[in-house]
Amino acid sequence: MKLFQRDIILLPYPFTDLSGKKVRPALVISNDDYNNETNDCIMVPITSVIKDDPFSISLTQKDLEEGKLFKPSRIKFDKVFSLEKDLVIMKIGKLDSNVFKDIKKGVISLF
């Protein structure tokens, strides 16, 4: 599957005890050059557990350029991970570019 920066995708997350998996959304943050040149993408998770914390940003339907958000959510920019693209189940949306700028600022602020 071809993935682009700002894509919102679904992927299988393992349970913490590794006994199974659950499908969850995530945001692709790696740039398109990286996504085209490697088998991986760099992502941050999206959660519907709404806790106001300094390391996440609110996500609502109006923040999407395309697609549909199932529930109001938060993007957890402090939980950066990489994943093989073949594990992605499907694309469900694309984040607005202005909201993505806030995500980039958040990730950079961690360093």
C-alpha atoms as a PDB file:
ATOM      1  CA  MET A   1       0.000   0.000   0.000  1.00  0.00           C
ATOM      2  CA  LYS A   2       1.306   3.434  -0.896  1.00  0.00           C
ATOM      3  CA  LEU A   3       1.216   5.757   2.117  1.00  0.00           C
ATOM      4  CA  PHE A   4       1.675   9.498   2.366  1.00  0.00           C
ATOM      5  CA  GLN A   5       2.464  11.926   5.150  1.00  0.00           C
ATOM      6  CA  ARG A   6      -0.745  12.951   6.984  1.00  0.00           C
ATOM      7  CA  ASP A   7      -2.583   9.719   6.074  1.00  0.00           C
ATOM      8  CA  ILE A   8      -4.715   8.284   8.859  1.00  0.00           C
ATOM      9  CA  ILE A   9      -4.600   4.508   8.727  1.00  0.00           C
ATOM     10  CA  LEU A  10      -5.832   1.448  10.606  1.00  0.00           C
ATOM     11  CA  LEU A  11      -3.360  -1.123  11.877  1.00  0.00           C
ATOM     12  CA  PRO A  12      -3.222  -4.060  14.290  1.00  0.00           C
ATOM     13  CA  TYR A  13      -1.934  -3.058  17.744  1.00  0.00           C
ATOM     14  CA  PRO A  14      -0.760  -5.890  20.008  1.00  0.00           C
ATOM     15  CA  PHE A  15      -2.110  -6.178  23.542  1.00  0.00           C
ATOM     16  CA  THR A  16       0.533  -5.359  26.145  1.00  0.00           C
ATOM     17  CA  ASP A  17       0.708  -9.041  27.143  1.00  0.00           C
ATOM     18  CA  LEU A  18       1.034  -9.993  23.434  1.00  0.00           C
ATOM     19  CA  SER A  19      -1.985 -12.333  23.722  1.00  0.00           C
ATOM     20  CA  GLY A  20      -3.776 -10.734  20.771  1.00  0.00           C
ATOM     21  CA  LYS A  21      -4.322  -7.619  18.669  1.00  0.00           C
ATOM     22  CA  LYS A  22      -6.879  -4.874  18.216  1.00  0.00           C
ATOM     23  CA  VAL A  23      -7.331  -2.613  15.191  1.00  0.00           C
ATOM     24  CA  ARG A  24      -6.476   1.023  15.976  1.00  0.00           C
ATOM     25  CA  PRO A  25      -5.899   4.241  13.995  1.00  0.00           C
ATOM     26  CA  ALA A  26      -2.561   5.999  13.566  1.00  0.00           C
ATOM     27  CA  LEU A  27      -1.190   9.040  11.723  1.00  0.00           C
ATOM     28  CA  VAL A  28       1.679   8.742   9.226  1.00  0.00           C
ATOM     29  CA  ILE A  29       4.250  11.441  10.086  1.00  0.00           C
ATOM     30  CA  SER A  30       7.214  10.348   7.942  1.00  0.00           C
ATOM     31  CA  ASN A  31       7.700  12.335   4.745  1.00  0.00           C
ATOM     32  CA  ASP A  32       6.775  10.979   1.326  1.00  0.00           C
ATOM     33  CA  ASP A  33      10.416  10.433   0.271  1.00  0.00           C
ATOM     34  CA  TYR A  34      10.980   8.179   3.288  1.00  0.00           C
ATOM     35  CA  ASN A  35       7.681   6.401   2.698  1.00  0.00           C
ATOM     36  CA  ASN A  36       8.602   5.709  -0.952  1.00  0.00           C
ATOM     37  CA  GLU A  37      12.188   4.592  -0.269  1.00  0.00           C
ATOM     38  CA  THR A  38      11.623   2.191   2.642  1.00  0.00           C
ATOM     39  CA  ASN A  39       9.298  -0.618   3.638  1.00  0.00           C
ATOM     40  CA  ASP A  40       8.395   1.248   6.835  1.00  0.00           C
ATOM     41  CA  CYS A  41       6.472   4.352   7.866  1.00  0.00           C
ATOM     42  CA  ILE A  42       6.883   6.457  10.987  1.00  0.00           C
ATOM     43  CA  MET A  43       3.618   7.006  12.834  1.00  0.00           C
ATOM     44  CA  VAL A  44       1.943   8.246  15.982  1.00  0.00           C
ATOM     45  CA  PRO A  45      -1.129   6.605  17.524  1.00  0.00           C
ATOM     46  CA  ILE A  46      -4.617   8.060  17.661  1.00  0.00           C
ATOM     47  CA  THR A  47      -6.801   7.319  20.681  1.00  0.00           C
ATOM     48  CA  SER A  48     -10.458   7.886  21.475  1.00  0.00           C
ATOM     49  CA  VAL A  49      -9.598   8.041  25.188  1.00  0.00           C
ATOM     50  CA  ILE A  50      -9.926  11.780  25.726  1.00  0.00           C
ATOM     51  CA  LYS A  51      -7.415  12.858  28.357  1.00  0.00           C
ATOM     52  CA  ASP A  52      -6.159  16.405  28.116  1.00  0.00           C
ATOM     53  CA  ASP A  53      -2.402  16.018  28.338  1.00  0.00           C
ATOM     54  CA  PRO A  54       0.458  18.156  27.026  1.00  0.00           C
ATOM     55  CA  PHE A  55       1.659  15.421  24.655  1.00  0.00           C
ATOM     56  CA  SER A  56      -1.473  14.986  22.570  1.00  0.00           C
ATOM     57  CA  ILE A  57      -3.602  17.106  20.264  1.00  0.00           C
ATOM     58  CA  SER A  58      -7.370  16.983  19.856  1.00  0.00           C
ATOM     59  CA  LEU A  59      -8.718  15.474  16.634  1.00  0.00           C
ATOM     60  CA  THR A  60     -12.267  16.016  15.362  1.00  0.00           C
ATOM     61  CA  GLN A  61     -13.952  15.540  11.996  1.00  0.00           C
ATOM     62  CA  LYS A  62     -13.243  19.164  11.023  1.00  0.00           C
ATOM     63  CA  ASP A  63      -9.497  18.425  11.283  1.00  0.00           C
ATOM     64  CA  LEU A  64      -9.655  15.986   8.365  1.00  0.00           C
ATOM     65  CA  GLU A  65      -9.024  16.963   4.769  1.00  0.00           C
ATOM     66  CA  GLU A  66     -10.724  13.734   3.691  1.00  0.00           C
ATOM     67  CA  GLY A  67     -12.244  10.644   5.271  1.00  0.00           C
ATOM     68  CA  LYS A  68     -14.371  10.053   8.338  1.00  0.00           C
ATOM     69  CA  LEU A  69     -13.410  10.008  11.991  1.00  0.00           C
ATOM     70  CA  PHE A  70     -15.342   7.443  14.030  1.00  0.00           C
ATOM     71  CA  LYS A  71     -15.095   9.330  17.349  1.00  0.00           C
ATOM     72  CA  PRO A  72     -13.533  12.524  18.689  1.00  0.00           C
ATOM     73  CA  SER A  73      -9.947  11.516  19.421  1.00  0.00           C
ATOM     74  CA  ARG A  74      -6.463  12.660  20.363  1.00  0.00           C
ATOM     75  CA  ILE A  75      -3.195  12.279  18.443  1.00  0.00           C
ATOM     76  CA  LYS A  76      -0.479  11.122  20.857  1.00  0.00           C
ATOM     77  CA  PHE A  77       2.618  12.758  19.368  1.00  0.00           C
ATOM     78  CA  ASP A  78       4.922  11.488  22.138  1.00  0.00           C
ATOM     79  CA  LYS A  79       4.420   7.814  21.120  1.00  0.00           C
ATOM     80  CA  VAL A  80       6.363   7.780  17.825  1.00  0.00           C
ATOM     81  CA  PHE A  81       6.905   4.340  16.272  1.00  0.00           C
ATOM     82  CA  SER A  82       7.813   2.766  12.946  1.00  0.00           C
ATOM     83  CA  LEU A  83       5.875  -0.017  11.286  1.00  0.00           C
ATOM     84  CA  GLU A  84       6.213  -2.087   8.149  1.00  0.00           C
ATOM     85  CA  LYS A  85       3.760  -0.759   5.565  1.00  0.00           C
ATOM     86  CA  ASP A  86       2.496  -4.267   4.758  1.00  0.00           C
ATOM     87  CA  LEU A  87       0.863  -4.384   8.214  1.00  0.00           C
ATOM     88  CA  VAL A  88      -1.411  -1.424   7.451  1.00  0.00           C
ATOM     89  CA  ILE A  89      -5.015  -2.575   7.032  1.00  0.00           C
ATOM     90  CA  MET A  90      -6.443   0.462   5.253  1.00  0.00           C
ATOM     91  CA  LYS A  91      -6.376   4.231   4.908  1.00  0.00           C
ATOM     92  CA  ILE A  92      -9.355   6.001   6.516  1.00  0.00           C
ATOM     93  CA  GLY A  93      -8.525   9.673   6.068  1.00  0.00           C
ATOM     94  CA  LYS A  94      -6.045  12.503   5.669  1.00  0.00           C
ATOM     95  CA  LEU A  95      -5.194  15.120   8.298  1.00  0.00           C
ATOM     96  CA  ASP A  96      -5.476  18.818   7.471  1.00  0.00           C
ATOM     97  CA  SER A  97      -2.059  20.381   6.774  1.00  0.00           C
ATOM     98  CA  ASN A  98      -2.476  23.105   9.430  1.00  0.00           C
ATOM     99  CA  VAL A  99      -3.227  20.552  12.143  1.00  0.00           C
ATOM    100  CA  PHE A 100      -0.238  18.513  10.951  1.00  0.00           C
ATOM    101  CA  LYS A 101       2.014  21.532  11.566  1.00  0.00           C
ATOM    102  CA  ASP A 102       0.971  21.381  15.236  1.00  0.00           C
ATOM    103  CA  ILE A 103       1.837  17.673  15.344  1.00  0.00           C
ATOM    104  CA  LYS A 104       5.294  18.385  13.876  1.00  0.00           C
ATOM    105  CA  LYS A 105       5.880  21.130  16.459  1.00  0.00           C
ATOM    106  CA  GLY A 106       4.828  18.743  19.205  1.00  0.00           C
ATOM    107  CA  VAL A 107       7.191  15.992  18.058  1.00  0.00           C
ATOM    108  CA  ILE A 108      10.093  18.451  17.691  1.00  0.00           C
ATOM    109  CA  SER A 109       9.431  19.834  21.188  1.00  0.00           C
ATOM    110  CA  LEU A 110      10.319  16.416  22.617  1.00  0.00           C
ATOM    111  CA  PHE A 111      13.985  16.820  21.595  1.00  0.00           C
END
